[in-house]
PDB file of all heavy atoms in Angstrom:
ATOM      1  N   TYR A   1       2.027  -8.596 -16.872  1.00  0.00           N
ATOM      2  CA  TYR A   1       2.877  -9.787 -16.897  1.00  0.00           C
ATOM      3  C   TYR A   1       2.385 -10.805 -15.881  1.00  0.00           C
ATOM      4  O   TYR A   1       1.869 -10.436 -14.832  1.00  0.00           O
ATOM      5  CB  TYR A   1       4.328  -9.419 -16.561  1.00  0.00           C
ATOM      6  CG  TYR A   1       4.899  -8.375 -17.483  1.00  0.00           C
ATOM      7  CD1 TYR A   1       4.856  -7.031 -17.143  1.00  0.00           C
ATOM      8  CD2 TYR A   1       5.463  -8.742 -18.693  1.00  0.00           C
ATOM      9  CE1 TYR A   1       5.367  -6.067 -17.995  1.00  0.00           C
ATOM     10  CE2 TYR A   1       5.980  -7.783 -19.548  1.00  0.00           C
ATOM     11  CZ  TYR A   1       5.929  -6.451 -19.196  1.00  0.00           C
ATOM     12  OH  TYR A   1       6.419  -5.506 -20.046  1.00  0.00           O
ATOM     13  N   LEU A   2       2.595 -12.059 -16.186  1.00  0.00           N
ATOM     14  CA  LEU A   2       2.292 -13.104 -15.221  1.00  0.00           C
ATOM     15  C   LEU A   2       3.430 -13.191 -14.215  1.00  0.00           C
ATOM     16  O   LEU A   2       4.593 -12.989 -14.559  1.00  0.00           O
ATOM     17  CB  LEU A   2       2.143 -14.455 -15.928  1.00  0.00           C
ATOM     18  CG  LEU A   2       0.948 -14.600 -16.863  1.00  0.00           C
ATOM     19  CD1 LEU A   2       0.978 -15.988 -17.503  1.00  0.00           C
ATOM     20  CD2 LEU A   2      -0.350 -14.394 -16.121  1.00  0.00           C
ATOM     21  N   CYS A   3       3.095 -13.470 -12.976  1.00  0.00           N
ATOM     22  CA  CYS A   3       4.101 -13.645 -11.929  1.00  0.00           C
ATOM     23  C   CYS A   3       3.580 -14.663 -10.929  1.00  0.00           C
ATOM     24  O   CYS A   3       2.448 -15.115 -11.024  1.00  0.00           O
ATOM     25  CB  CYS A   3       4.418 -12.309 -11.248  1.00  0.00           C
ATOM     26  SG  CYS A   3       3.038 -11.587 -10.344  1.00  0.00           S
ATOM     27  N   THR A   4       4.406 -14.999  -9.964  1.00  0.00           N
ATOM     28  CA  THR A   4       3.981 -15.952  -8.940  1.00  0.00           C
ATOM     29  C   THR A   4       2.978 -15.283  -8.013  1.00  0.00           C
ATOM     30  O   THR A   4       2.926 -14.059  -7.904  1.00  0.00           O
ATOM     31  CB  THR A   4       5.183 -16.440  -8.116  1.00  0.00           C
ATOM     32  OG1 THR A   4       5.750 -15.313  -7.449  1.00  0.00           O
ATOM     33  CG2 THR A   4       6.217 -17.118  -8.990  1.00  0.00           C
ATOM     34  N   THR A   5       2.188 -16.098  -7.336  1.00  0.00           N
ATOM     35  CA  THR A   5       1.217 -15.538  -6.403  1.00  0.00           C
ATOM     36  C   THR A   5       1.912 -14.860  -5.227  1.00  0.00           C
ATOM     37  O   THR A   5       1.386 -13.893  -4.681  1.00  0.00           O
ATOM     38  CB  THR A   5       0.258 -16.631  -5.889  1.00  0.00           C
ATOM     39  OG1 THR A   5       1.030 -17.695  -5.337  1.00  0.00           O
ATOM     40  CG2 THR A   5      -0.627 -17.141  -6.993  1.00  0.00           C
ATOM     41  N   GLU A   6       3.106 -15.337  -4.863  1.00  0.00           N
ATOM     42  CA  GLU A   6       3.853 -14.725  -3.763  1.00  0.00           C
ATOM     43  C   GLU A   6       4.276 -13.301  -4.122  1.00  0.00           C
ATOM     44  O   GLU A   6       4.153 -12.381  -3.310  1.00  0.00           O
ATOM     45  CB  GLU A   6       5.089 -15.552  -3.399  1.00  0.00           C
ATOM     46  CG  GLU A   6       4.781 -16.906  -2.789  1.00  0.00           C
ATOM     47  CD  GLU A   6       4.484 -17.979  -3.828  1.00  0.00           C
ATOM     48  OE1 GLU A   6       4.811 -17.782  -5.020  1.00  0.00           O
ATOM     49  OE2 GLU A   6       3.902 -19.009  -3.457  1.00  0.00           O
ATOM     50  N   LYS A   7       4.786 -13.120  -5.345  1.00  0.00           N
ATOM     51  CA  LYS A   7       5.183 -11.779  -5.772  1.00  0.00           C
ATOM     52  C   LYS A   7       3.967 -10.865  -5.854  1.00  0.00           C
ATOM     53  O   LYS A   7       4.020  -9.709  -5.433  1.00  0.00           O
ATOM     54  CB  LYS A   7       5.896 -11.823  -7.130  1.00  0.00           C
ATOM     55  CG  LYS A   7       6.323 -10.450  -7.591  1.00  0.00           C
ATOM     56  CD  LYS A   7       7.037 -10.462  -8.914  1.00  0.00           C
ATOM     57  CE  LYS A   7       7.387  -9.029  -9.314  1.00  0.00           C
ATOM     58  NZ  LYS A   7       8.040  -8.957 -10.608  1.00  0.00           N
ATOM     59  N   ALA A   8       2.867 -11.366  -6.390  1.00  0.00           N
ATOM     60  CA  ALA A   8       1.647 -10.558  -6.486  1.00  0.00           C
ATOM     61  C   ALA A   8       1.153 -10.167  -5.099  1.00  0.00           C
ATOM     62  O   ALA A   8       0.752  -9.017  -4.879  1.00  0.00           O
ATOM     63  CB  ALA A   8       0.568 -11.320  -7.245  1.00  0.00           C
ATOM     64  N   GLN A   9       1.202 -11.088  -4.149  1.00  0.00           N
ATOM     65  CA  GLN A   9       0.761 -10.791  -2.784  1.00  0.00           C
ATOM     66  C   GLN A   9       1.651  -9.741  -2.150  1.00  0.00           C
ATOM     67  O   GLN A   9       1.168  -8.842  -1.459  1.00  0.00           O
ATOM     68  CB  GLN A   9       0.751 -12.069  -1.939  1.00  0.00           C
ATOM     69  CG  GLN A   9       0.102 -11.901  -0.596  1.00  0.00           C
ATOM     70  CD  GLN A   9      -1.365 -11.531  -0.712  1.00  0.00           C
ATOM     71  OE1 GLN A   9      -2.085 -12.023  -1.588  1.00  0.00           O
ATOM     72  NE2 GLN A   9      -1.827 -10.670   0.164  1.00  0.00           N
ATOM     73  N   ALA A  10       2.961  -9.802  -2.400  1.00  0.00           N
ATOM     74  CA  ALA A  10       3.882  -8.800  -1.863  1.00  0.00           C
ATOM     75  C   ALA A  10       3.589  -7.418  -2.442  1.00  0.00           C
ATOM     76  O   ALA A  10       3.612  -6.419  -1.724  1.00  0.00           O
ATOM     77  CB  ALA A  10       5.323  -9.205  -2.157  1.00  0.00           C
ATOM     78  N   VAL A  11       3.291  -7.356  -3.737  1.00  0.00           N
ATOM     79  CA  VAL A  11       2.971  -6.075  -4.371  1.00  0.00           C
ATOM     80  C   VAL A  11       1.646  -5.531  -3.842  1.00  0.00           C
ATOM     81  O   VAL A  11       1.514  -4.330  -3.590  1.00  0.00           O
ATOM     82  CB  VAL A  11       2.947  -6.233  -5.912  1.00  0.00           C
ATOM     83  CG1 VAL A  11       2.410  -4.985  -6.583  1.00  0.00           C
ATOM     84  CG2 VAL A  11       4.343  -6.547  -6.425  1.00  0.00           C
ATOM     85  N   ILE A  12       0.671  -6.397  -3.639  1.00  0.00           N
ATOM     86  CA  ILE A  12      -0.624  -5.976  -3.092  1.00  0.00           C
ATOM     87  C   ILE A  12      -0.449  -5.417  -1.688  1.00  0.00           C
ATOM     88  O   ILE A  12      -1.009  -4.372  -1.337  1.00  0.00           O
ATOM     89  CB  ILE A  12      -1.624  -7.153  -3.108  1.00  0.00           C
ATOM     90  CG1 ILE A  12      -1.990  -7.506  -4.555  1.00  0.00           C
ATOM     91  CG2 ILE A  12      -2.865  -6.840  -2.295  1.00  0.00           C
ATOM     92  CD1 ILE A  12      -2.724  -8.814  -4.712  1.00  0.00           C
ATOM     93  N   GLU A  13       0.346  -6.087  -0.848  1.00  0.00           N
ATOM     94  CA  GLU A  13       0.605  -5.602   0.509  1.00  0.00           C
ATOM     95  C   GLU A  13       1.340  -4.267   0.483  1.00  0.00           C
ATOM     96  O   GLU A  13       1.054  -3.376   1.293  1.00  0.00           O
ATOM     97  CB  GLU A  13       1.401  -6.638   1.291  1.00  0.00           C
ATOM     98  CG  GLU A  13       0.593  -7.867   1.640  1.00  0.00           C
ATOM     99  CD  GLU A  13       1.432  -8.978   2.234  1.00  0.00           C
ATOM    100  OE1 GLU A  13       2.663  -8.781   2.423  1.00  0.00           O
ATOM    101  OE2 GLU A  13       0.867 -10.047   2.496  1.00  0.00           O
ATOM    102  N   LYS A  14       2.284  -4.101  -0.436  1.00  0.00           N
ATOM    103  CA  LYS A  14       3.010  -2.835  -0.557  1.00  0.00           C
ATOM    104  C   LYS A  14       2.055  -1.704  -0.940  1.00  0.00           C
ATOM    105  O   LYS A  14       2.156  -0.598  -0.412  1.00  0.00           O
ATOM    106  CB  LYS A  14       4.112  -2.983  -1.617  1.00  0.00           C
ATOM    107  CG  LYS A  14       4.996  -1.768  -1.756  1.00  0.00           C
ATOM    108  CD  LYS A  14       6.098  -2.043  -2.769  1.00  0.00           C
ATOM    109  CE  LYS A  14       6.956  -0.823  -3.003  1.00  0.00           C
ATOM    110  NZ  LYS A  14       7.994  -1.080  -4.021  1.00  0.00           N
ATOM    111  N   ALA A  15       1.107  -1.988  -1.829  1.00  0.00           N
ATOM    112  CA  ALA A  15       0.124  -0.984  -2.235  1.00  0.00           C
ATOM    113  C   ALA A  15      -0.775  -0.595  -1.065  1.00  0.00           C
ATOM    114  O   ALA A  15      -1.077   0.591  -0.865  1.00  0.00           O
ATOM    115  CB  ALA A  15      -0.720  -1.496  -3.392  1.00  0.00           C
ATOM    116  N   GLU A  16      -1.192  -1.584  -0.271  1.00  0.00           N
ATOM    117  CA  GLU A  16      -2.022  -1.294   0.894  1.00  0.00           C
ATOM    118  C   GLU A  16      -1.258  -0.473   1.927  1.00  0.00           C
ATOM    119  O   GLU A  16      -1.805   0.444   2.537  1.00  0.00           O
ATOM    120  CB  GLU A  16      -2.521  -2.596   1.514  1.00  0.00           C
ATOM    121  CG  GLU A  16      -3.544  -3.308   0.669  1.00  0.00           C
ATOM    122  CD  GLU A  16      -3.910  -4.675   1.216  1.00  0.00           C
ATOM    123  OE1 GLU A  16      -3.337  -5.094   2.248  1.00  0.00           O
ATOM    124  OE2 GLU A  16      -4.763  -5.329   0.594  1.00  0.00           O
ATOM    125  N   GLN A  17       0.023  -0.802   2.111  1.00  0.00           N
ATOM    126  CA  GLN A  17       0.846  -0.051   3.056  1.00  0.00           C
ATOM    127  C   GLN A  17       1.001   1.397   2.599  1.00  0.00           C
ATOM    128  O   GLN A  17       0.899   2.321   3.398  1.00  0.00           O
ATOM    129  CB  GLN A  17       2.216  -0.713   3.185  1.00  0.00           C
ATOM    130  CG  GLN A  17       3.146  -0.007   4.146  1.00  0.00           C
ATOM    131  CD  GLN A  17       4.523  -0.674   4.178  1.00  0.00           C
ATOM    132  OE1 GLN A  17       4.825  -1.555   3.378  1.00  0.00           O
ATOM    133  NE2 GLN A  17       5.356  -0.243   5.095  1.00  0.00           N
ATOM    134  N   ARG A  18       1.236   1.603   1.313  1.00  0.00           N
ATOM    135  CA  ARG A  18       1.375   2.961   0.765  1.00  0.00           C
ATOM    136  C   ARG A  18       0.072   3.747   0.938  1.00  0.00           C
ATOM    137  O   ARG A  18       0.083   4.926   1.272  1.00  0.00           O
ATOM    138  CB  ARG A  18       1.762   2.899  -0.703  1.00  0.00           C
ATOM    139  CG  ARG A  18       2.009   4.266  -1.304  1.00  0.00           C
ATOM    140  CD  ARG A  18       2.430   4.162  -2.733  1.00  0.00           C
ATOM    141  NE  ARG A  18       3.812   3.724  -2.817  1.00  0.00           N
ATOM    142  CZ  ARG A  18       4.470   3.563  -3.938  1.00  0.00           C
ATOM    143  NH1 ARG A  18       3.878   3.797  -5.080  1.00  0.00           N
ATOM    144  NH2 ARG A  18       5.722   3.167  -3.932  1.00  0.00           N
ATOM    145  N   LYS A  19      -1.065   3.073   0.732  1.00  0.00           N
ATOM    146  CA  LYS A  19      -2.365   3.723   0.884  1.00  0.00           C
ATOM    147  C   LYS A  19      -2.593   4.132   2.337  1.00  0.00           C
ATOM    148  O   LYS A  19      -3.048   5.251   2.613  1.00  0.00           O
ATOM    149  CB  LYS A  19      -3.475   2.782   0.420  1.00  0.00           C
ATOM    150  CG  LYS A  19      -4.844   3.388   0.448  1.00  0.00           C
ATOM    151  CD  LYS A  19      -5.870   2.415  -0.076  1.00  0.00           C
ATOM    152  CE  LYS A  19      -7.255   3.015  -0.001  1.00  0.00           C
ATOM    153  NZ  LYS A  19      -8.280   2.082  -0.465  1.00  0.00           N
ATOM    154  N   ARG A  20      -2.260   3.236   3.282  1.00  0.00           N
ATOM    155  CA  ARG A  20      -2.412   3.573   4.712  1.00  0.00           C
ATOM    156  C   ARG A  20      -1.519   4.746   5.094  1.00  0.00           C
ATOM    157  O   ARG A  20      -1.928   5.628   5.844  1.00  0.00           O
ATOM    158  CB  ARG A  20      -2.073   2.352   5.566  1.00  0.00           C
ATOM    159  CG  ARG A  20      -3.182   1.354   5.683  1.00  0.00           C
ATOM    160  CD  ARG A  20      -2.904   0.344   6.792  1.00  0.00           C
ATOM    161  NE  ARG A  20      -1.643  -0.361   6.608  1.00  0.00           N
ATOM    162  CZ  ARG A  20      -1.493  -1.497   5.952  1.00  0.00           C
ATOM    163  NH1 ARG A  20      -2.534  -2.063   5.391  1.00  0.00           N
ATOM    164  NH2 ARG A  20      -0.317  -2.074   5.847  1.00  0.00           N
ATOM    165  N   GLN A  21      -0.291   4.770   4.573  1.00  0.00           N
ATOM    166  CA  GLN A  21       0.641   5.852   4.883  1.00  0.00           C
ATOM    167  C   GLN A  21       0.101   7.184   4.370  1.00  0.00           C
ATOM    168  O   GLN A  21       0.151   8.193   5.074  1.00  0.00           O
ATOM    169  CB  GLN A  21       2.005   5.569   4.261  1.00  0.00           C
ATOM    170  CG  GLN A  21       3.036   6.639   4.555  1.00  0.00           C
ATOM    171  CD  GLN A  21       4.376   6.353   3.868  1.00  0.00           C
ATOM    172  OE1 GLN A  21       4.494   5.362   3.144  1.00  0.00           O
ATOM    173  NE2 GLN A  21       5.332   7.208   4.098  1.00  0.00           N
ATOM    174  N   LYS A  22      -0.441   7.206   3.165  1.00  0.00           N
ATOM    175  CA  LYS A  22      -1.002   8.445   2.619  1.00  0.00           C
ATOM    176  C   LYS A  22      -2.200   8.908   3.438  1.00  0.00           C
ATOM    177  O   LYS A  22      -2.381  10.104   3.655  1.00  0.00           O
ATOM    178  CB  LYS A  22      -1.389   8.263   1.160  1.00  0.00           C
ATOM    179  CG  LYS A  22      -0.203   8.213   0.237  1.00  0.00           C
ATOM    180  CD  LYS A  22      -0.644   8.434  -1.189  1.00  0.00           C
ATOM    181  CE  LYS A  22       0.543   8.476  -2.097  1.00  0.00           C
ATOM    182  NZ  LYS A  22       1.052   9.800  -2.314  1.00  0.00           N
ATOM    183  N   GLU A  23      -3.043   7.972   3.886  1.00  0.00           N
ATOM    184  CA  GLU A  23      -4.184   8.325   4.717  1.00  0.00           C
ATOM    185  C   GLU A  23      -3.727   8.926   6.047  1.00  0.00           C
ATOM    186  O   GLU A  23      -4.300   9.910   6.521  1.00  0.00           O
ATOM    187  CB  GLU A  23      -5.062   7.103   4.963  1.00  0.00           C
ATOM    188  CG  GLU A  23      -5.861   6.677   3.763  1.00  0.00           C
ATOM    189  CD  GLU A  23      -6.639   5.408   3.996  1.00  0.00           C
ATOM    190  OE1 GLU A  23      -6.543   4.811   5.096  1.00  0.00           O
ATOM    191  OE2 GLU A  23      -7.351   4.994   3.064  1.00  0.00           O
ATOM    192  N   GLU A  24      -2.687   8.340   6.655  1.00  0.00           N
ATOM    193  CA  GLU A  24      -2.162   8.863   7.917  1.00  0.00           C
ATOM    194  C   GLU A  24      -1.572  10.255   7.730  1.00  0.00           C
ATOM    195  O   GLU A  24      -1.771  11.141   8.568  1.00  0.00           O
ATOM    196  CB  GLU A  24      -1.123   7.910   8.492  1.00  0.00           C
ATOM    197  CG  GLU A  24      -1.702   6.615   9.010  1.00  0.00           C
ATOM    198  CD  GLU A  24      -0.633   5.617   9.405  1.00  0.00           C
ATOM    199  OE1 GLU A  24       0.563   5.966   9.385  1.00  0.00           O
ATOM    200  OE2 GLU A  24      -1.007   4.476   9.743  1.00  0.00           O
ATOM    201  N   GLU A  25      -0.850  10.468   6.622  1.00  0.00           N
ATOM    202  CA  GLU A  25      -0.294  11.795   6.350  1.00  0.00           C
ATOM    203  C   GLU A  25      -1.410  12.810   6.153  1.00  0.00           C
ATOM    204  O   GLU A  25      -1.316  13.945   6.628  1.00  0.00           O
ATOM    205  CB  GLU A  25       0.591  11.753   5.107  1.00  0.00           C
ATOM    206  CG  GLU A  25       1.898  11.035   5.324  1.00  0.00           C
ATOM    207  CD  GLU A  25       2.696  10.877   4.037  1.00  0.00           C
ATOM    208  OE1 GLU A  25       2.210  11.310   2.964  1.00  0.00           O
ATOM    209  OE2 GLU A  25       3.804  10.319   4.111  1.00  0.00           O
ATOM    210  N   TYR A  26      -2.485  12.420   5.483  1.00  0.00           N
ATOM    211  CA  TYR A  26      -3.603  13.325   5.256  1.00  0.00           C
ATOM    212  C   TYR A  26      -4.299  13.661   6.573  1.00  0.00           C
ATOM    213  O   TYR A  26      -4.628  14.816   6.821  1.00  0.00           O
ATOM    214  CB  TYR A  26      -4.599  12.697   4.272  1.00  0.00           C
ATOM    215  CG  TYR A  26      -5.799  13.575   4.019  1.00  0.00           C
ATOM    216  CD1 TYR A  26      -5.674  14.725   3.256  1.00  0.00           C
ATOM    217  CD2 TYR A  26      -7.044  13.253   4.536  1.00  0.00           C
ATOM    218  CE1 TYR A  26      -6.773  15.544   3.024  1.00  0.00           C
ATOM    219  CE2 TYR A  26      -8.137  14.056   4.314  1.00  0.00           C
ATOM    220  CZ  TYR A  26      -8.001  15.200   3.552  1.00  0.00           C
ATOM    221  OH  TYR A  26      -9.098  16.011   3.339  1.00  0.00           O
ATOM    222  N   LYS A  27      -4.493  12.658   7.427  1.00  0.00           N
ATOM    223  CA  LYS A  27      -5.122  12.903   8.734  1.00  0.00           C
ATOM    224  C   LYS A  27      -4.258  13.828   9.579  1.00  0.00           C
ATOM    225  O   LYS A  27      -4.766  14.705  10.267  1.00  0.00           O
ATOM    226  CB  LYS A  27      -5.372  11.588   9.466  1.00  0.00           C
ATOM    227  CG  LYS A  27      -6.501  10.787   8.877  1.00  0.00           C
ATOM    228  CD  LYS A  27      -6.661   9.456   9.599  1.00  0.00           C
ATOM    229  CE  LYS A  27      -7.736   8.623   8.950  1.00  0.00           C
ATOM    230  NZ  LYS A  27      -7.874   7.304   9.577  1.00  0.00           N
ATOM    231  N   ALA A  28      -2.935  13.633   9.523  1.00  0.00           N
ATOM    232  CA  ALA A  28      -2.035  14.505  10.276  1.00  0.00           C
ATOM    233  C   ALA A  28      -2.081  15.925   9.724  1.00  0.00           C
ATOM    234  O   ALA A  28      -2.040  16.901  10.479  1.00  0.00           O
ATOM    235  CB  ALA A  28      -0.608  13.971  10.221  1.00  0.00           C
ATOM    236  N   TYR A  29      -2.196  16.071   8.425  1.00  0.00           N
ATOM    237  CA  TYR A  29      -2.286  17.392   7.806  1.00  0.00           C
ATOM    238  C   TYR A  29      -3.577  18.092   8.217  1.00  0.00           C
ATOM    239  O   TYR A  29      -3.577  19.278   8.556  1.00  0.00           O
ATOM    240  CB  TYR A  29      -2.224  17.250   6.279  1.00  0.00           C
ATOM    241  CG  TYR A  29      -2.561  18.512   5.549  1.00  0.00           C
ATOM    242  CD1 TYR A  29      -1.661  19.570   5.503  1.00  0.00           C
ATOM    243  CD2 TYR A  29      -3.781  18.660   4.906  1.00  0.00           C
ATOM    244  CE1 TYR A  29      -1.973  20.740   4.832  1.00  0.00           C
ATOM    245  CE2 TYR A  29      -4.108  19.818   4.241  1.00  0.00           C
ATOM    246  CZ  TYR A  29      -3.202  20.853   4.199  1.00  0.00           C
ATOM    247  OH  TYR A  29      -3.521  22.006   3.543  1.00  0.00           O
ATOM    248  N   ILE A  30      -4.683  17.378   8.210  1.00  0.00           N
ATOM    249  CA  ILE A  30      -5.977  17.953   8.593  1.00  0.00           C
ATOM    250  C   ILE A  30      -5.964  18.372  10.064  1.00  0.00           C
ATOM    251  O   ILE A  30      -6.521  19.406  10.434  1.00  0.00           O
ATOM    252  CB  ILE A  30      -7.115  16.949   8.326  1.00  0.00           C
ATOM    253  CG1 ILE A  30      -7.273  16.712   6.839  1.00  0.00           C
ATOM    254  CG2 ILE A  30      -8.423  17.403   8.928  1.00  0.00           C
ATOM    255  CD1 ILE A  30      -7.673  17.918   6.034  1.00  0.00           C
ATOM    256  N   ALA A  31      -5.304  17.598  10.911  1.00  0.00           N
ATOM    257  CA  ALA A  31      -5.278  17.882  12.342  1.00  0.00           C
ATOM    258  C   ALA A  31      -4.307  19.001  12.704  1.00  0.00           C
ATOM    259  O   ALA A  31      -4.429  19.603  13.769  1.00  0.00           O
ATOM    260  CB  ALA A  31      -4.906  16.628  13.119  1.00  0.00           C
TER     261      ALA A  31
END
């Protein structure tokens, strides 16, 4: 779907935040 650039930017930031959180959880699990 088409959306505003602001909404797309918010979704992109949310995806990056989720990715960082998963990486931190994985690093904590390995340690």
